[in-house]
Amino acid sequence: MEKEFAVRFKIVEGNIETQMKQKNVSPQEAIGLLEMAKSQLLENLSKNRKDIFSGTFKE
């Protein structure tokens, strides 16, 4: 079973629009994935990296 969880943030004139797409992902799994992304962002910020988030996208 394929699982998919995508979050998109769009900032327009200071307003943040958020879109989420889920496929076969429980709310608990979604929260875990968001926590993983947060941890990665914070770790890269602490290392003063400019590319603070890395990942892969597969269509």
C-alpha atoms as a PDB file:
ATOM      1  CA  MET A   1       0.000   0.000   0.000  1.00  0.00           C
ATOM      2  CA  GLU A   2       1.424   3.326  -1.094  1.00  0.00           C
ATOM      3  CA  LYS A   3       1.379   6.181   1.420  1.00  0.00           C
ATOM      4  CA  GLU A   4       1.596   9.865   0.630  1.00  0.00           C
ATOM      5  CA  PHE A   5       1.714  12.974   2.809  1.00  0.00           C
ATOM      6  CA  ALA A   6       2.437  16.381   1.348  1.00  0.00           C
ATOM      7  CA  VAL A   7       2.259  19.829   2.906  1.00  0.00           C
ATOM      8  CA  ARG A   8       2.460  22.997   0.861  1.00  0.00           C
ATOM      9  CA  PHE A   9       2.907  26.481   2.267  1.00  0.00           C
ATOM     10  CA  LYS A  10       2.292  29.464   0.013  1.00  0.00           C
ATOM     11  CA  ILE A  11       2.982  32.991   1.240  1.00  0.00           C
ATOM     12  CA  VAL A  12       1.068  35.694  -0.595  1.00  0.00           C
ATOM     13  CA  GLU A  13       1.298  39.315   0.554  1.00  0.00           C
ATOM     14  CA  GLY A  14       2.147  38.232   4.094  1.00  0.00           C
ATOM     15  CA  ASN A  15      -0.668  35.670   4.305  1.00  0.00           C
ATOM     16  CA  ILE A  16       0.165  31.988   4.641  1.00  0.00           C
ATOM     17  CA  GLU A  17      -1.892  29.431   2.748  1.00  0.00           C
ATOM     18  CA  THR A  18      -1.512  25.794   3.768  1.00  0.00           C
ATOM     19  CA  GLN A  19      -2.551  22.753   1.760  1.00  0.00           C
ATOM     20  CA  MET A  20      -2.217  19.132   2.844  1.00  0.00           C
ATOM     21  CA  LYS A  21      -2.612  15.994   0.796  1.00  0.00           C
ATOM     22  CA  GLN A  22      -2.851  12.593   2.484  1.00  0.00           C
ATOM     23  CA  LYS A  23      -3.186   9.114   1.097  1.00  0.00           C
ATOM     24  CA  ASN A  24      -3.252   6.107   3.451  1.00  0.00           C
ATOM     25  CA  VAL A  25      -1.544   8.110   6.233  1.00  0.00           C
ATOM     26  CA  SER A  26      -3.034   8.173   9.718  1.00  0.00           C
ATOM     27  CA  PRO A  27      -3.125  11.402  11.718  1.00  0.00           C
ATOM     28  CA  GLN A  28      -0.472   9.953  14.053  1.00  0.00           C
ATOM     29  CA  GLU A  29       1.832   9.193  11.123  1.00  0.00           C
ATOM     30  CA  ALA A  30       1.295  12.697   9.722  1.00  0.00           C
ATOM     31  CA  ILE A  31       2.283  14.233  13.059  1.00  0.00           C
ATOM     32  CA  GLY A  32       5.385  12.023  13.164  1.00  0.00           C
ATOM     33  CA  LEU A  33       6.391  13.103   9.665  1.00  0.00           C
ATOM     34  CA  LEU A  34       5.951  16.766  10.586  1.00  0.00           C
ATOM     35  CA  GLU A  35       8.082  16.240  13.700  1.00  0.00           C
ATOM     36  CA  MET A  36      10.813  14.628  11.578  1.00  0.00           C
ATOM     37  CA  ALA A  37      10.785  17.610   9.199  1.00  0.00           C
ATOM     38  CA  LYS A  38      10.928  20.027  12.141  1.00  0.00           C
ATOM     39  CA  SER A  39      13.895  18.176  13.636  1.00  0.00           C
ATOM     40  CA  GLN A  40      15.739  18.245  10.323  1.00  0.00           C
ATOM     41  CA  LEU A  41      15.105  21.977   9.909  1.00  0.00           C
ATOM     42  CA  LEU A  42      16.318  22.767  13.426  1.00  0.00           C
ATOM     43  CA  GLU A  43      19.408  20.580  13.026  1.00  0.00           C
ATOM     44  CA  ASN A  44      20.376  22.252   9.758  1.00  0.00           C
ATOM     45  CA  LEU A  45      19.770  25.716  11.221  1.00  0.00           C
ATOM     46  CA  SER A  46      22.082  24.904  14.118  1.00  0.00           C
ATOM     47  CA  LYS A  47      24.781  24.015  11.574  1.00  0.00           C
ATOM     48  CA  ASN A  48      24.239  27.361   9.780  1.00  0.00           C
ATOM     49  CA  ARG A  49      23.423  25.595   6.554  1.00  0.00           C
ATOM     50  CA  LYS A  50      21.790  27.564   3.782  1.00  0.00           C
ATOM     51  CA  ASP A  51      19.928  24.572   2.364  1.00  0.00           C
ATOM     52  CA  ILE A  52      18.011  23.949   5.566  1.00  0.00           C
ATOM     53  CA  PHE A  53      15.745  21.236   4.199  1.00  0.00           C
ATOM     54  CA  SER A  54      16.588  18.394   1.921  1.00  0.00           C
ATOM     55  CA  GLY A  55      14.383  15.634   0.661  1.00  0.00           C
ATOM     56  CA  THR A  56      13.186  13.838  -2.391  1.00  0.00           C
ATOM     57  CA  PHE A  57      10.053  14.182  -4.445  1.00  0.00           C
ATOM     58  CA  LYS A  58       8.771  11.363  -6.548  1.00  0.00           C
ATOM     59  CA  GLU A  59       5.814  11.777  -8.900  1.00  0.00           C
END
